[in-house]
């Protein structure tokens, strides 16, 4: 079956996000000493170089997982469909929490909530489920 255009769009957005996360993680790992020195005026956990390394590695793993997910979406793998549903569900709950509590930027949370809702709706359409080998 041919890949639906919407799946290509979702996979491309996933790929772009993964590349941005990887770029950020490599930046943190590469410039960790400069980052630690920049925040050295105020005592915090971020002063510790090991914290910067750990955070950079965490982002690196997330970025690599994002690349894998994008690949799975491009290849119409059933596991990628399910993983995307789960991740978008988590994003929806997180953004609903931000909107409800006001902790964080509500405008961005509402925008991300709308995007997640569109992706969830799209992935649950019968023709998209069929493209991923799921029954309707």
Protein backbone atom coordinates (compact mmCIF):
# COMPACT_ATOMS: atom_id res chain seq x y z
CA UNK A 1 0.00 0.00 0.00
CA UNK A 2 1.19 3.52 -0.73
CA UNK A 3 2.06 5.72 2.21
CA UNK A 4 -0.66 8.33 2.86
CA UNK A 5 0.48 11.94 2.50
CA UNK A 6 -0.46 12.71 6.10
CA UNK A 7 1.79 9.92 7.37
CA UNK A 8 4.64 11.41 5.36
CA UNK A 9 3.95 14.78 7.00
CA UNK A 10 3.86 13.27 10.51
CA UNK A 11 7.05 11.28 9.83
CA UNK A 12 8.80 14.38 8.46
CA UNK A 13 7.81 16.42 11.52
CA UNK A 14 9.11 13.59 13.71
CA UNK A 15 12.37 13.57 11.75
CA UNK A 16 12.80 17.35 12.07
CA UNK A 17 12.12 17.18 15.82
CA UNK A 18 14.62 14.35 16.25
CA UNK A 19 17.31 16.24 14.34
CA UNK A 20 16.71 19.35 16.48
CA UNK A 21 16.94 17.29 19.68
CA UNK A 22 20.14 15.63 18.45
CA UNK A 23 21.62 19.01 17.56
CA UNK A 24 20.77 20.35 21.01
CA UNK A 25 22.19 17.30 22.75
CA UNK A 26 25.44 17.49 20.83
CA UNK A 27 25.64 21.22 21.58
CA UNK A 28 25.21 20.56 25.29
CA UNK A 29 27.82 17.79 25.26
CA UNK A 30 30.27 19.80 23.17
CA UNK A 31 29.89 23.11 25.07
CA UNK A 32 29.15 21.73 28.55
CA UNK A 33 32.08 23.50 30.21
CA UNK A 34 31.04 26.85 28.77
CA UNK A 35 27.46 26.22 29.88
CA UNK A 36 28.59 25.34 33.41
CA UNK A 37 30.77 28.47 33.57
CA UNK A 38 27.89 30.63 32.32
CA UNK A 39 25.64 29.58 35.21
CA UNK A 40 28.43 29.53 37.81
CA UNK A 41 27.35 32.84 39.38
CA UNK A 42 24.34 31.24 41.03
CA UNK A 43 24.51 27.91 42.87
CA UNK A 44 22.47 25.23 41.14
CA UNK A 45 22.55 21.65 39.98
CA UNK A 46 23.46 22.88 36.48
CA UNK A 47 26.91 23.92 37.74
CA UNK A 48 27.95 20.32 37.90
CA UNK A 49 29.48 19.19 34.63
CA UNK A 50 28.16 15.68 35.19
CA UNK A 51 24.60 17.05 35.19
CA UNK A 52 25.23 18.65 31.77
CA UNK A 53 26.72 15.39 30.48
CA UNK A 54 23.77 13.37 31.78
CA UNK A 55 21.24 15.77 30.31
CA UNK A 56 23.08 15.78 26.98
CA UNK A 57 23.13 11.99 26.87
CA UNK A 58 19.43 11.86 27.80
CA UNK A 59 18.62 14.19 24.89
CA UNK A 60 20.89 12.16 22.61
CA UNK A 61 18.93 9.00 23.41
CA UNK A 62 15.62 10.81 22.84
CA UNK A 63 16.87 12.11 19.50
CA UNK A 64 17.99 8.67 18.37
CA UNK A 65 14.64 7.22 19.41
CA UNK A 66 12.97 9.99 17.41
CA UNK A 67 14.99 9.03 14.33
CA UNK A 68 13.95 5.41 14.78
CA UNK A 69 10.31 6.41 15.13
CA UNK A 70 10.49 8.59 12.01
CA UNK A 71 11.99 5.67 10.08
CA UNK A 72 9.22 3.37 11.30
CA UNK A 73 6.56 5.86 10.23
CA UNK A 74 8.13 6.27 6.79
CA UNK A 75 8.21 2.46 6.42
CA UNK A 76 4.62 2.06 7.70
CA UNK A 77 5.68 -0.17 10.60
CA UNK A 78 2.85 -1.09 12.98
CA UNK A 79 5.06 -0.51 16.04
CA UNK A 80 5.73 3.07 14.90
CA UNK A 81 1.99 3.72 14.57
CA UNK A 82 1.41 2.44 18.12
CA UNK A 83 4.42 4.30 19.55
CA UNK A 84 3.26 7.55 17.93
CA UNK A 85 -0.22 7.09 19.41
CA UNK A 86 1.26 6.55 22.87
CA UNK A 87 3.64 9.53 22.61
CA UNK A 88 0.91 11.84 21.31
CA UNK A 89 -1.30 10.66 24.16
CA UNK A 90 1.41 11.61 26.67
CA UNK A 91 1.84 14.98 24.96
CA UNK A 92 -1.91 15.56 25.15
CA UNK A 93 -2.03 14.84 28.89
CA UNK A 94 1.04 16.99 29.51
CA UNK A 95 -0.35 19.92 27.54
CA UNK A 96 -3.77 19.61 29.19
CA UNK A 97 -1.98 19.76 32.54
CA UNK A 98 -0.12 22.91 31.48
CA UNK A 99 -3.32 24.57 30.31
CA UNK A 100 -5.22 23.57 33.47
CA UNK A 101 -2.55 24.56 36.00
CA UNK A 102 -1.04 27.54 34.25
CA UNK A 103 2.46 26.26 35.02
CA UNK A 104 4.32 26.93 31.79
CA UNK A 105 3.34 28.79 28.65
CA UNK A 106 -0.37 28.22 28.04
CA UNK A 107 -0.23 29.54 24.48
CA UNK A 108 2.39 27.04 23.42
CA UNK A 109 0.58 24.26 25.30
CA UNK A 110 -2.68 25.02 23.48
CA UNK A 111 -0.89 25.02 20.11
CA UNK A 112 0.81 21.69 20.89
CA UNK A 113 -2.49 20.30 22.17
CA UNK A 114 -4.17 21.11 18.87
CA UNK A 115 -1.32 19.51 16.90
CA UNK A 116 -1.43 16.36 19.06
CA UNK A 117 -5.21 16.13 18.66
CA UNK A 118 -4.91 16.41 14.87
CA UNK A 119 -2.19 13.73 14.76
CA UNK A 120 -4.21 11.40 17.02
CA UNK A 121 -7.35 11.90 14.96
CA UNK A 122 -5.45 11.31 11.73
CA UNK A 123 -3.68 8.15 12.93
CA UNK A 124 -6.98 6.66 14.10
CA UNK A 125 -8.68 7.03 10.70
CA UNK A 126 -9.47 3.68 9.11
CA UNK A 127 -7.42 4.21 5.93
CA UNK A 128 -4.35 5.19 7.95
CA UNK A 129 -4.75 2.19 10.26
CA UNK A 130 -4.98 -0.04 7.19
CA UNK A 131 -1.79 1.47 5.79
CA UNK A 132 -0.03 0.37 8.98
CA UNK A 133 -1.55 -3.12 8.76
CA UNK A 134 -4.08 -2.50 11.52
CA UNK A 135 -7.67 -3.64 11.16
CA UNK A 136 -10.32 -0.96 11.02
